[in-house]
PDB file of N, CA and C in Angstrom:
ATOM      1  N   MET A   1     -19.180 -29.660 -50.764  1.00  0.00           N
ATOM      2  CA  MET A   1     -20.591 -28.571 -51.591  1.00  0.00           C
ATOM      3  C   MET A   1     -19.879 -27.600 -52.299  1.00  0.00           C
ATOM      4  N   PRO A   2     -20.420 -27.219 -52.975  1.00  0.00           N
ATOM      5  CA  PRO A   2     -20.639 -26.504 -54.677  1.00  0.00           C
ATOM      6  C   PRO A   2     -20.740 -25.053 -53.568  1.00  0.00           C
ATOM      7  N   ALA A   3     -19.877 -24.049 -53.988  1.00  0.00           N
ATOM      8  CA  ALA A   3     -19.706 -22.570 -54.020  1.00  0.00           C
ATOM      9  C   ALA A   3     -21.421 -22.570 -54.465  1.00  0.00           C
ATOM     10  N   PRO A   4     -21.750 -21.292 -54.112  1.00  0.00           N
ATOM     11  CA  PRO A   4     -22.894 -21.017 -54.227  1.00  0.00           C
ATOM     12  C   PRO A   4     -23.506 -20.248 -55.759  1.00  0.00           C
ATOM     13  N   VAL A   5     -24.032 -20.015 -55.989  1.00  0.00           N
ATOM     14  CA  VAL A   5     -24.006 -19.512 -57.541  1.00  0.00           C
ATOM     15  C   VAL A   5     -24.729 -17.795 -57.384  1.00  0.00           C
ATOM     16  N   PHE A   6     -23.827 -17.109 -57.705  1.00  0.00           N
ATOM     17  CA  PHE A   6     -24.211 -15.288 -57.589  1.00  0.00           C
ATOM     18  C   PHE A   6     -25.297 -14.991 -58.882  1.00  0.00           C
ATOM     19  N   SER A   7     -26.189 -14.314 -58.840  1.00  0.00           N
ATOM     20  CA  SER A   7     -26.783 -14.284 -60.324  1.00  0.00           C
ATOM     21  C   SER A   7     -26.781 -12.949 -60.083  1.00  0.00           C
ATOM     22  N   PRO A   8     -26.466 -12.345 -61.731  1.00  0.00           N
ATOM     23  CA  PRO A   8     -26.426 -10.527 -61.549  1.00  0.00           C
ATOM     24  C   PRO A   8     -27.689 -10.135 -61.378  1.00  0.00           C
ATOM     25  N   LYS A   9     -28.861 -11.061 -61.718  1.00  0.00           N
ATOM     26  CA  LYS A   9     -30.453 -10.784 -62.047  1.00  0.00           C
ATOM     27  C   LYS A   9     -31.320 -10.933 -61.013  1.00  0.00           C
ATOM     28  N   ARG A  10     -32.247 -10.240 -60.687  1.00  0.00           N
ATOM     29  CA  ARG A  10     -33.189 -10.512 -59.490  1.00  0.00           C
ATOM     30  C   ARG A  10     -34.510 -10.572 -60.189  1.00  0.00           C
ATOM     31  N   THR A  11     -35.491 -10.879 -59.130  1.00  0.00           N
ATOM     32  CA  THR A  11     -36.883 -10.611 -59.651  1.00  0.00           C
ATOM     33  C   THR A  11     -36.990 -10.388 -58.093  1.00  0.00           C
ATOM     34  N   THR A  12     -37.898  -9.255 -58.124  1.00  0.00           N
ATOM     35  CA  THR A  12     -38.546  -8.662 -56.450  1.00  0.00           C
ATOM     36  C   THR A  12     -40.341  -9.021 -56.692  1.00  0.00           C
ATOM     37  N   GLN A  13     -41.040  -9.365 -55.792  1.00  0.00           N
ATOM     38  CA  GLN A  13     -42.408  -8.892 -56.060  1.00  0.00           C
ATOM     39  C   GLN A  13     -42.828  -8.481 -54.882  1.00  0.00           C
ATOM     40  N   THR A  14     -43.844  -7.624 -55.329  1.00  0.00           N
ATOM     41  CA  THR A  14     -44.369  -6.605 -54.104  1.00  0.00           C
ATOM     42  C   THR A  14     -46.079  -6.587 -54.461  1.00  0.00           C
ATOM     43  N   VAL A  15     -47.036  -6.406 -53.268  1.00  0.00           N
ATOM     44  CA  VAL A  15     -48.400  -5.847 -53.671  1.00  0.00           C
ATOM     45  C   VAL A  15     -48.795  -4.527 -53.557  1.00  0.00           C
ATOM     46  N   VAL A  16     -49.366  -3.565 -54.514  1.00  0.00           N
ATOM     47  CA  VAL A  16     -50.099  -2.778 -54.221  1.00  0.00           C
ATOM     48  C   VAL A  16     -51.258  -2.542 -54.297  1.00  0.00           C
ATOM     49  N   LYS A  17     -51.930  -1.501 -53.496  1.00  0.00           N
ATOM     50  CA  LYS A  17     -52.991  -1.626 -52.933  1.00  0.00           C
ATOM     51  C   LYS A  17     -53.878   0.262 -53.843  1.00  0.00           C
ATOM     52  N   PHE A  18     -54.727  -0.570 -54.638  1.00  0.00           N
ATOM     53  CA  PHE A  18     -55.551   1.034 -54.902  1.00  0.00           C
ATOM     54  C   PHE A  18     -56.772   1.145 -54.509  1.00  0.00           C
ATOM     55  N   ASN A  19     -57.187   2.153 -53.898  1.00  0.00           N
ATOM     56  CA  ASN A  19     -58.147   2.198 -53.355  1.00  0.00           C
ATOM     57  C   ASN A  19     -59.487   2.794 -53.594  1.00  0.00           C
ATOM     58  N   LEU A  20     -59.061   3.177 -55.357  1.00  0.00           N
ATOM     59  CA  LEU A  20     -59.661   3.593 -56.450  1.00  0.00           C
ATOM     60  C   LEU A  20     -59.076   3.292 -57.743  1.00  0.00           C
ATOM     61  N   SER A  21     -60.514   3.453 -58.231  1.00  0.00           N
ATOM     62  CA  SER A  21     -60.270   2.373 -59.985  1.00  0.00           C
ATOM     63  C   SER A  21     -59.333   3.699 -60.421  1.00  0.00           C
ATOM     64  N   PHE A  22     -57.998   3.026 -61.097  1.00  0.00           N
ATOM     65  CA  PHE A  22     -57.065   3.647 -61.835  1.00  0.00           C
ATOM     66  C   PHE A  22     -56.503   3.626 -63.294  1.00  0.00           C
ATOM     67  N   PHE A  23     -55.947   4.254 -63.795  1.00  0.00           N
ATOM     68  CA  PHE A  23     -55.307   3.317 -65.396  1.00  0.00           C
ATOM     69  C   PHE A  23     -54.161   4.220 -65.640  1.00  0.00           C
ATOM     70  N   LEU A  24     -53.225   2.619 -66.082  1.00  0.00           N
ATOM     71  CA  LEU A  24     -52.128   3.466 -66.733  1.00  0.00           C
ATOM     72  C   LEU A  24     -51.482   3.343 -68.045  1.00  0.00           C
ATOM     73  N   GLN A  25     -50.692   3.466 -68.644  1.00  0.00           N
ATOM     74  CA  GLN A  25     -50.627   3.429 -70.001  1.00  0.00           C
ATOM     75  C   GLN A  25     -50.491   2.015 -70.165  1.00  0.00           C
ATOM     76  N   GLY A  26     -51.478   1.852 -71.433  1.00  0.00           N
ATOM     77  CA  GLY A  26     -50.622   0.197 -71.468  1.00  0.00           C
ATOM     78  C   GLY A  26     -52.451  -0.594 -71.511  1.00  0.00           C
ATOM     79  N   PHE A  27     -52.977  -0.248 -70.435  1.00  0.00           N
ATOM     80  CA  PHE A  27     -54.675  -0.577 -70.065  1.00  0.00           C
ATOM     81  C   PHE A  27     -55.297  -0.816 -71.321  1.00  0.00           C
ATOM     82  N   ASP A  28     -55.751  -1.358 -71.432  1.00  0.00           N
ATOM     83  CA  ASP A  28     -57.234  -1.154 -72.586  1.00  0.00           C
ATOM     84  C   ASP A  28     -58.461  -0.752 -71.259  1.00  0.00           C
ATOM     85  N   VAL A  29     -58.500  -0.537 -70.433  1.00  0.00           N
ATOM     86  CA  VAL A  29     -59.535  -0.064 -69.702  1.00  0.00           C
ATOM     87  C   VAL A  29     -59.122   0.271 -68.553  1.00  0.00           C
ATOM     88  N   GLN A  30     -60.117   0.691 -67.368  1.00  0.00           N
ATOM     89  CA  GLN A  30     -59.196   1.615 -66.465  1.00  0.00           C
ATOM     90  C   GLN A  30     -59.648   0.206 -65.118  1.00  0.00           C
ATOM     91  N   GLN A  31     -58.494  -0.045 -64.130  1.00  0.00           N
ATOM     92  CA  GLN A  31     -58.862  -1.185 -63.818  1.00  0.00           C
ATOM     93  C   GLN A  31     -59.460  -1.061 -62.349  1.00  0.00           C
ATOM     94  N   PRO A  32     -60.453  -1.588 -61.142  1.00  0.00           N
ATOM     95  CA  PRO A  32     -60.976  -1.561 -59.997  1.00  0.00           C
ATOM     96  C   PRO A  32     -59.488  -1.150 -59.083  1.00  0.00           C
ATOM     97  N   ALA A  33     -60.571  -0.868 -58.420  1.00  0.00           N
ATOM     98  CA  ALA A  33     -59.789  -0.533 -56.993  1.00  0.00           C
ATOM     99  C   ALA A  33     -59.687  -2.263 -56.667  1.00  0.00           C
ATOM    100  N   GLY A  34     -58.127  -2.045 -55.519  1.00  0.00           N
ATOM    101  CA  GLY A  34     -57.658  -3.694 -55.349  1.00  0.00           C
ATOM    102  C   GLY A  34     -56.559  -3.473 -55.133  1.00  0.00           C
ATOM    103  N   GLU A  35     -55.744  -5.061 -54.473  1.00  0.00           N
ATOM    104  CA  GLU A  35     -54.378  -5.309 -54.493  1.00  0.00           C
ATOM    105  C   GLU A  35     -54.122  -6.039 -55.503  1.00  0.00           C
ATOM    106  N   TYR A  36     -52.724  -5.646 -56.171  1.00  0.00           N
ATOM    107  CA  TYR A  36     -51.986  -6.032 -57.709  1.00  0.00           C
ATOM    108  C   TYR A  36     -50.749  -6.478 -57.299  1.00  0.00           C
ATOM    109  N   ARG A  37     -50.140  -7.565 -57.867  1.00  0.00           N
ATOM    110  CA  ARG A  37     -49.344  -7.882 -58.089  1.00  0.00           C
ATOM    111  C   ARG A  37     -48.023  -7.523 -58.674  1.00  0.00           C
ATOM    112  N   VAL A  38     -47.143  -7.198 -58.380  1.00  0.00           N
ATOM    113  CA  VAL A  38     -45.837  -6.045 -59.112  1.00  0.00           C
ATOM    114  C   VAL A  38     -44.855  -6.758 -59.367  1.00  0.00           C
ATOM    115  N   GLU A  39     -43.994  -7.105 -60.367  1.00  0.00           N
ATOM    116  CA  GLU A  39     -43.057  -7.770 -60.459  1.00  0.00           C
ATOM    117  C   GLU A  39     -41.840  -6.553 -60.799  1.00  0.00           C
ATOM    118  N   LYS A  40     -40.298  -6.858 -60.277  1.00  0.00           N
ATOM    119  CA  LYS A  40     -39.719  -5.875 -60.589  1.00  0.00           C
ATOM    120  C   LYS A  40     -38.556  -6.909 -61.126  1.00  0.00           C
ATOM    121  N   GLU A  41     -37.949  -6.630 -62.354  1.00  0.00           N
ATOM    122  CA  GLU A  41     -36.898  -7.264 -62.379  1.00  0.00           C
ATOM    123  C   GLU A  41     -35.517  -6.187 -62.117  1.00  0.00           C
ATOM    124  N   GLU A  42     -34.265  -6.533 -61.814  1.00  0.00           N
ATOM    125  CA  GLU A  42     -33.508  -5.862 -61.822  1.00  0.00           C
ATOM    126  C   GLU A  42     -31.889  -6.779 -61.786  1.00  0.00           C
ATOM    127  N   GLU A  43     -30.906  -5.446 -62.182  1.00  0.00           N
ATOM    128  CA  GLU A  43     -30.060  -6.284 -62.684  1.00  0.00           C
ATOM    129  C   GLU A  43     -28.850  -5.583 -61.906  1.00  0.00           C
ATOM    130  N   LEU A  44     -28.029  -6.288 -61.582  1.00  0.00           N
ATOM    131  CA  LEU A  44     -26.361  -5.667 -60.754  1.00  0.00           C
ATOM    132  C   LEU A  44     -25.784  -4.879 -61.650  1.00  0.00           C
ATOM    133  N   ILE A  45     -25.339  -3.339 -60.801  1.00  0.00           N
ATOM    134  CA  ILE A  45     -24.558  -2.907 -61.534  1.00  0.00           C
ATOM    135  C   ILE A  45     -23.438  -3.198 -61.163  1.00  0.00           C
ATOM    136  N   ASP A  46     -22.337  -3.130 -62.055  1.00  0.00           N
ATOM    137  CA  ASP A  46     -21.005  -3.880 -62.296  1.00  0.00           C
ATOM    138  C   ASP A  46     -20.330  -2.912 -61.902  1.00  0.00           C
ATOM    139  N   GLY A  47     -18.703  -2.974 -61.273  1.00  0.00           N
ATOM    140  CA  GLY A  47     -17.975  -1.715 -60.715  1.00  0.00           C
ATOM    141  C   GLY A  47     -18.215  -1.163 -59.892  1.00  0.00           C
ATOM    142  N   LEU A  48     -19.334  -0.875 -58.631  1.00  0.00           N
ATOM    143  CA  LEU A  48     -19.238  -0.666 -57.649  1.00  0.00           C
ATOM    144  C   LEU A  48     -18.614  -1.491 -56.513  1.00  0.00           C
ATOM    145  N   SER A  49     -18.398  -0.104 -55.503  1.00  0.00           N
ATOM    146  CA  SER A  49     -17.865  -1.137 -54.288  1.00  0.00           C
ATOM    147  C   SER A  49     -18.852  -1.596 -53.480  1.00  0.00           C
ATOM    148  N   ARG A  50     -20.006  -1.029 -53.595  1.00  0.00           N
ATOM    149  CA  ARG A  50     -21.421  -1.855 -53.043  1.00  0.00           C
ATOM    150  C   ARG A  50     -22.277  -2.436 -53.712  1.00  0.00           C
ATOM    151  N   LEU A  51     -23.469  -3.244 -53.668  1.00  0.00           N
ATOM    152  CA  LEU A  51     -24.319  -3.389 -54.403  1.00  0.00           C
ATOM    153  C   LEU A  51     -25.030  -2.722 -54.637  1.00  0.00           C
ATOM    154  N   ALA A  52     -25.660  -2.828 -55.933  1.00  0.00           N
ATOM    155  CA  ALA A  52     -26.600  -1.743 -56.330  1.00  0.00           C
ATOM    156  C   ALA A  52     -27.604  -2.468 -57.397  1.00  0.00           C
ATOM    157  N   TRP A  53     -28.723  -1.764 -57.540  1.00  0.00           N
ATOM    158  CA  TRP A  53     -29.373  -2.490 -58.804  1.00  0.00           C
ATOM    159  C   TRP A  53     -30.029  -1.554 -59.581  1.00  0.00           C
ATOM    160  N   HIS A  54     -30.338  -2.115 -60.515  1.00  0.00           N
ATOM    161  CA  HIS A  54     -30.550  -1.266 -61.601  1.00  0.00           C
ATOM    162  C   HIS A  54     -32.018  -1.853 -61.959  1.00  0.00           C
ATOM    163  N   CYS A  55     -32.932  -0.781 -62.547  1.00  0.00           N
ATOM    164  CA  CYS A  55     -34.483  -1.571 -62.835  1.00  0.00           C
ATOM    165  C   CYS A  55     -34.666  -2.059 -63.752  1.00  0.00           C
ATOM    166  N   THR A  56     -34.467  -2.920 -64.467  1.00  0.00           N
ATOM    167  CA  THR A  56     -34.746  -2.849 -66.464  1.00  0.00           C
ATOM    168  C   THR A  56     -35.978  -3.236 -66.384  1.00  0.00           C
ATOM    169  N   ALA A  57     -37.061  -4.199 -65.329  1.00  0.00           N
ATOM    170  CA  ALA A  57     -38.744  -3.974 -66.372  1.00  0.00           C
ATOM    171  C   ALA A  57     -39.249  -3.733 -65.159  1.00  0.00           C
ATOM    172  N   THR A  58     -40.697  -3.410 -65.094  1.00  0.00           N
ATOM    173  CA  THR A  58     -41.675  -3.727 -64.029  1.00  0.00           C
ATOM    174  C   THR A  58     -42.873  -4.250 -64.560  1.00  0.00           C
ATOM    175  N   PHE A  59     -43.545  -4.965 -63.877  1.00  0.00           N
ATOM    176  CA  PHE A  59     -44.499  -5.679 -64.609  1.00  0.00           C
ATOM    177  C   PHE A  59     -45.511  -5.482 -63.361  1.00  0.00           C
ATOM    178  N   ILE A  60     -47.037  -5.639 -64.175  1.00  0.00           N
ATOM    179  CA  ILE A  60     -48.317  -5.537 -62.953  1.00  0.00           C
ATOM    180  C   ILE A  60     -48.992  -6.701 -63.803  1.00  0.00           C
ATOM    181  N   TYR A  61     -49.783  -7.582 -62.572  1.00  0.00           N
ATOM    182  CA  TYR A  61     -50.450  -8.893 -62.651  1.00  0.00           C
ATOM    183  C   TYR A  61     -52.049  -8.192 -62.965  1.00  0.00           C
ATOM    184  N   LEU A  62     -52.931  -8.374 -63.806  1.00  0.00           N
ATOM    185  CA  LEU A  62     -53.953  -8.252 -63.900  1.00  0.00           C
ATOM    186  C   LEU A  62     -54.688  -9.505 -64.007  1.00  0.00           C
ATOM    187  N   PRO A  63     -56.033  -9.884 -63.053  1.00  0.00           N
ATOM    188  CA  PRO A  63     -56.926  -8.507 -62.561  1.00  0.00           C
ATOM    189  C   PRO A  63     -56.069  -8.631 -61.239  1.00  0.00           C
ATOM    190  N   ALA A  64     -57.048  -7.789 -60.565  1.00  0.00           N
ATOM    191  CA  ALA A  64     -56.640  -7.696 -58.870  1.00  0.00           C
ATOM    192  C   ALA A  64     -56.426  -9.148 -58.363  1.00  0.00           C
ATOM    193  N   ILE A  65     -55.956  -9.025 -57.274  1.00  0.00           N
ATOM    194  CA  ILE A  65     -55.534 -10.708 -56.028  1.00  0.00           C
ATOM    195  C   ILE A  65     -57.085 -10.661 -55.990  1.00  0.00           C
ATOM    196  N   ALA A  66     -57.319 -11.437 -55.817  1.00  0.00           N
ATOM    197  CA  ALA A  66     -58.950 -11.745 -54.835  1.00  0.00           C
ATOM    198  C   ALA A  66     -59.182 -13.654 -55.244  1.00  0.00           C
ATOM    199  N   PRO A  67     -59.994 -13.690 -54.747  1.00  0.00           N
ATOM    200  CA  PRO A  67     -60.011 -15.103 -54.255  1.00  0.00           C
ATOM    201  C   PRO A  67     -60.904 -15.648 -55.550  1.00  0.00           C
ATOM    202  N   GLY A  68     -60.357 -16.353 -56.127  1.00  0.00           N
ATOM    203  CA  GLY A  68     -60.534 -17.323 -57.516  1.00  0.00           C
ATOM    204  C   GLY A  68     -59.895 -16.496 -58.997  1.00  0.00           C
ATOM    205  N   ASN A  69     -59.733 -15.534 -58.655  1.00  0.00           N
ATOM    206  CA  ASN A  69     -58.971 -14.485 -59.322  1.00  0.00           C
ATOM    207  C   ASN A  69     -57.255 -15.676 -59.873  1.00  0.00           C
ATOM    208  N   ARG A  70     -57.676 -15.620 -61.361  1.00  0.00           N
ATOM    209  CA  ARG A  70     -55.937 -16.388 -61.648  1.00  0.00           C
ATOM    210  C   ARG A  70     -55.604 -14.960 -62.528  1.00  0.00           C
ATOM    211  N   PRO A  71     -54.334 -14.986 -62.406  1.00  0.00           N
ATOM    212  CA  PRO A  71     -53.894 -13.664 -63.558  1.00  0.00           C
ATOM    213  C   PRO A  71     -53.832 -13.823 -64.918  1.00  0.00           C
ATOM    214  N   ARG A  72     -54.367 -13.268 -65.708  1.00  0.00           N
ATOM    215  CA  ARG A  72     -54.811 -13.578 -66.861  1.00  0.00           C
ATOM    216  C   ARG A  72     -53.854 -12.913 -67.942  1.00  0.00           C
ATOM    217  N   GLN A  73     -53.658 -11.653 -67.181  1.00  0.00           N
ATOM    218  CA  GLN A  73     -52.786 -10.698 -67.931  1.00  0.00           C
ATOM    219  C   GLN A  73     -51.498 -10.205 -67.399  1.00  0.00           C
ATOM    220  N   VAL A  74     -50.225 -10.159 -67.797  1.00  0.00           N
ATOM    221  CA  VAL A  74     -49.015  -9.258 -67.230  1.00  0.00           C
ATOM    222  C   VAL A  74     -48.428  -8.693 -68.516  1.00  0.00           C
ATOM    223  N   LEU A  75     -48.627  -7.025 -67.665  1.00  0.00           N
ATOM    224  CA  LEU A  75     -48.513  -5.966 -68.690  1.00  0.00           C
ATOM    225  C   LEU A  75     -47.130  -5.542 -68.082  1.00  0.00           C
ATOM    226  N   GLN A  76     -46.329  -4.866 -68.897  1.00  0.00           N
ATOM    227  CA  GLN A  76     -45.296  -3.907 -68.510  1.00  0.00           C
ATOM    228  C   GLN A  76     -45.346  -2.631 -68.372  1.00  0.00           C
ATOM    229  N   ILE A  77     -45.051  -2.126 -67.452  1.00  0.00           N
ATOM    230  CA  ILE A  77     -45.258  -0.526 -66.880  1.00  0.00           C
ATOM    231  C   ILE A  77     -44.561   0.086 -66.810  1.00  0.00           C
ATOM    232  N   ASP A  78     -43.985   1.060 -66.816  1.00  0.00           N
ATOM    233  CA  ASP A  78     -43.443   2.371 -66.354  1.00  0.00           C
ATOM    234  C   ASP A  78     -43.631   2.236 -64.786  1.00  0.00           C
ATOM    235  N   PRO A  79     -42.128   2.063 -64.106  1.00  0.00           N
ATOM    236  CA  PRO A  79     -42.514   2.174 -62.575  1.00  0.00           C
ATOM    237  C   PRO A  79     -43.051   3.739 -62.170  1.00  0.00           C
ATOM    238  N   ALA A  80     -41.767   4.686 -62.201  1.00  0.00           N
ATOM    239  CA  ALA A  80     -42.860   5.842 -62.193  1.00  0.00           C
ATOM    240  C   ALA A  80     -43.940   6.459 -62.446  1.00  0.00           C
ATOM    241  N   GLU A  81     -44.738   5.471 -63.250  1.00  0.00           N
ATOM    242  CA  GLU A  81     -45.876   5.612 -63.658  1.00  0.00           C
ATOM    243  C   GLU A  81     -47.128   5.503 -62.436  1.00  0.00           C
ATOM    244  N   LEU A  82     -46.535   4.190 -62.056  1.00  0.00           N
ATOM    245  CA  LEU A  82     -47.634   3.338 -60.886  1.00  0.00           C
ATOM    246  C   LEU A  82     -47.290   3.940 -59.926  1.00  0.00           C
ATOM    247  N   GLU A  83     -45.757   4.505 -59.387  1.00  0.00           N
ATOM    248  CA  GLU A  83     -45.843   5.508 -58.173  1.00  0.00           C
ATOM    249  C   GLU A  83     -46.487   6.465 -58.170  1.00  0.00           C
ATOM    250  N   ASP A  84     -46.706   7.327 -59.279  1.00  0.00           N
ATOM    251  CA  ASP A  84     -47.400   8.371 -59.567  1.00  0.00           C
ATOM    252  C   ASP A  84     -49.005   8.110 -59.250  1.00  0.00           C
ATOM    253  N   ALA A  85     -49.227   7.135 -59.789  1.00  0.00           N
ATOM    254  CA  ALA A  85     -50.959   6.670 -59.860  1.00  0.00           C
ATOM    255  C   ALA A  85     -51.323   5.908 -58.217  1.00  0.00           C
ATOM    256  N   LEU A  86     -49.555   5.870 -57.288  1.00  0.00           N
ATOM    257  CA  LEU A  86     -49.905   5.665 -55.945  1.00  0.00           C
ATOM    258  C   LEU A  86     -50.131   6.525 -55.227  1.00  0.00           C
ATOM    259  N   LYS A  87     -49.555   7.179 -55.901  1.00  0.00           N
ATOM    260  CA  LYS A  87     -49.611   8.889 -55.122  1.00  0.00           C
ATOM    261  C   LYS A  87     -50.934   9.411 -55.029  1.00  0.00           C
ATOM    262  N   LYS A  88     -51.335  10.052 -56.141  1.00  0.00           N
ATOM    263  CA  LYS A  88     -52.661  10.088 -56.437  1.00  0.00           C
ATOM    264  C   LYS A  88     -53.472   9.589 -55.746  1.00  0.00           C
ATOM    265  N   ASP A  89     -54.059   7.951 -55.994  1.00  0.00           N
ATOM    266  CA  ASP A  89     -54.864   6.918 -55.027  1.00  0.00           C
ATOM    267  C   ASP A  89     -54.817   7.703 -53.460  1.00  0.00           C
ATOM    268  N   ARG A  90     -53.596   8.291 -53.209  1.00  0.00           N
ATOM    269  CA  ARG A  90     -53.753   7.702 -51.160  1.00  0.00           C
ATOM    270  C   ARG A  90     -54.435   9.681 -51.565  1.00  0.00           C
ATOM    271  N   LEU A  91     -53.664  10.901 -52.216  1.00  0.00           N
ATOM    272  CA  LEU A  91     -54.160  12.036 -51.914  1.00  0.00           C
ATOM    273  C   LEU A  91     -55.692  11.949 -51.931  1.00  0.00           C
ATOM    274  N   ARG A  92     -56.552  11.237 -52.961  1.00  0.00           N
ATOM    275  CA  ARG A  92     -57.721  11.597 -53.039  1.00  0.00           C
ATOM    276  C   ARG A  92     -58.900  10.586 -52.462  1.00  0.00           C
ATOM    277  N   THR A  93     -58.225   9.684 -51.367  1.00  0.00           N
ATOM    278  CA  THR A  93     -58.660   8.862 -50.200  1.00  0.00           C
ATOM    279  C   THR A  93     -58.391   9.378 -48.786  1.00  0.00           C
TER     280      THR A  93
END
């Protein structure tokens, strides 16, 4: 049996929910409320005594997740800006 291959990179996917419309840098228009797929690419930080990951890119898939909707656009976004937008959304609802 071959040894497992360890990759120094990983991709994680999450779904974020906006209760109100929102706008992030890079968008042409404001996006409606809904659930959005977000993908984060990370690299392993070398030389530490424990595993640690550094985010290298974050992407959002547009439009929102809904029956019949297929992603038509994938935009790279600032993860801190996404977190701020989600916090503002929660405060306003």
